[in-house]
Amino acid sequence: MRKFTFFLALLAVTALNMRAQQFNYADISGKPGYNLVDAKAASVTVRYAIPSFSLDDQVVDGSTMKNISLNGTFLFNDEGMPSLPGSGRYIAI
């Protein structure tokens, strides 16, 4: 019974450490994502706002690493490269 209790305690500590770290930005201006702020004949101003993202623990080859999760983005998943979320838009000139 003592081994079972120890195992449950170890499992609970591990589960608490595996939670995602959530980062929230309450002071963003404008809508989340890409926003056209200003458009002139010679320039364009675009603002990108992130309301929140999270860092998740991910085990790769026995090593714990961080994975960035950002809503509305995708991962390029090139082998051997970092898993960084990406997003893009076209601006007609």
Protein backbone atom coordinates (compact mmCIF):
# COMPACT_ATOMS: atom_id res chain seq x y z
CA MET A 1 0.00 0.00 0.00
CA ARG A 2 2.89 2.36 0.76
CA LYS A 3 4.33 1.88 -2.76
CA PHE A 4 0.92 2.63 -4.29
CA THR A 5 0.60 5.86 -2.28
CA PHE A 6 4.12 6.90 -3.29
CA PHE A 7 3.27 6.17 -6.93
CA LEU A 8 0.10 8.30 -6.75
CA ALA A 9 2.01 11.18 -5.16
CA LEU A 10 4.71 10.97 -7.83
CA LEU A 11 2.07 10.87 -10.56
CA ALA A 12 0.31 13.94 -9.11
CA VAL A 13 3.56 15.94 -8.94
CA THR A 14 4.43 14.96 -12.51
CA ALA A 15 0.96 15.92 -13.76
CA LEU A 16 1.19 19.34 -12.10
CA ASN A 17 4.57 19.99 -13.72
CA MET A 18 3.28 18.99 -17.16
CA ARG A 19 0.66 21.77 -17.24
CA ALA A 20 0.89 24.34 -19.98
CA GLN A 21 2.09 27.80 -19.06
CA GLN A 22 -0.58 30.23 -20.26
CA PHE A 23 0.39 33.82 -21.15
CA ASN A 24 -2.44 36.36 -21.55
CA TYR A 25 -2.17 39.96 -22.74
CA ALA A 26 -5.17 42.01 -21.63
CA ASP A 27 -3.81 45.33 -22.92
CA ILE A 28 -3.72 44.61 -26.66
CA SER A 29 -5.07 47.41 -28.83
CA GLY A 30 -7.45 46.50 -31.61
CA LYS A 31 -8.60 43.07 -32.71
CA PRO A 32 -6.40 39.97 -32.34
CA GLY A 33 -4.41 39.02 -35.44
CA TYR A 34 -3.41 41.21 -38.38
CA ASN A 35 -4.92 44.71 -38.56
CA LEU A 36 -4.41 47.34 -41.22
CA VAL A 37 -3.65 50.53 -39.30
CA ASP A 38 -2.71 52.90 -42.11
CA ALA A 39 -2.43 52.70 -45.89
CA LYS A 40 -0.84 55.46 -47.99
CA ALA A 41 0.59 55.60 -51.49
CA ALA A 42 4.14 55.14 -50.15
CA SER A 43 3.62 52.98 -47.03
CA VAL A 44 1.42 50.49 -45.24
CA THR A 45 1.25 49.98 -41.45
CA VAL A 46 0.06 46.60 -40.19
CA ARG A 47 -0.32 45.71 -36.51
CA TYR A 48 -0.25 42.10 -35.27
CA ALA A 49 -1.76 41.48 -31.83
CA ILE A 50 -1.53 38.29 -29.78
CA PRO A 51 -4.12 37.99 -26.98
CA SER A 52 -2.63 34.79 -25.53
CA PHE A 53 -0.33 31.83 -26.14
CA SER A 54 0.82 28.82 -24.17
CA LEU A 55 4.02 26.85 -23.66
CA ASP A 56 3.44 23.11 -23.41
CA ASP A 57 5.98 20.54 -22.28
CA GLN A 58 6.82 17.97 -24.94
CA VAL A 59 9.16 15.00 -24.54
CA VAL A 60 11.41 14.38 -27.56
CA ASP A 61 13.97 11.55 -27.42
CA GLY A 62 13.85 11.55 -23.63
CA SER A 63 14.38 15.33 -23.32
CA THR A 64 11.64 17.69 -22.16
CA MET A 65 11.24 20.66 -24.50
CA LYS A 66 8.75 23.51 -24.85
CA ASN A 67 6.14 23.71 -27.61
CA ILE A 68 4.52 27.07 -28.43
CA SER A 69 0.75 26.96 -29.01
CA LEU A 70 -0.80 30.02 -30.65
CA ASN A 71 -4.41 30.02 -31.89
CA GLY A 72 -4.86 30.66 -35.60
CA THR A 73 -1.35 29.58 -36.61
CA PHE A 74 0.15 26.42 -38.03
CA LEU A 75 3.46 24.60 -37.73
CA PHE A 76 5.74 24.18 -40.73
CA ASN A 77 7.13 20.91 -39.28
CA ASP A 78 10.35 20.74 -41.28
CA GLU A 79 12.37 17.82 -39.96
CA GLY A 80 15.15 18.91 -37.62
CA MET A 81 13.83 22.45 -37.31
CA PRO A 82 12.13 24.02 -34.26
CA SER A 83 8.34 23.77 -34.08
CA LEU A 84 7.53 27.49 -34.25
CA PRO A 85 4.03 28.63 -35.19
CA GLY A 86 3.74 30.69 -38.33
CA SER A 87 1.21 32.84 -40.12
CA GLY A 88 1.30 35.19 -43.09
CA ARG A 89 -0.79 37.49 -45.25
CA TYR A 90 -0.33 39.08 -48.66
CA ILE A 91 -0.37 42.82 -49.26
CA ALA A 92 -1.20 43.88 -52.81
CA ILE A 93 1.11 46.59 -54.11
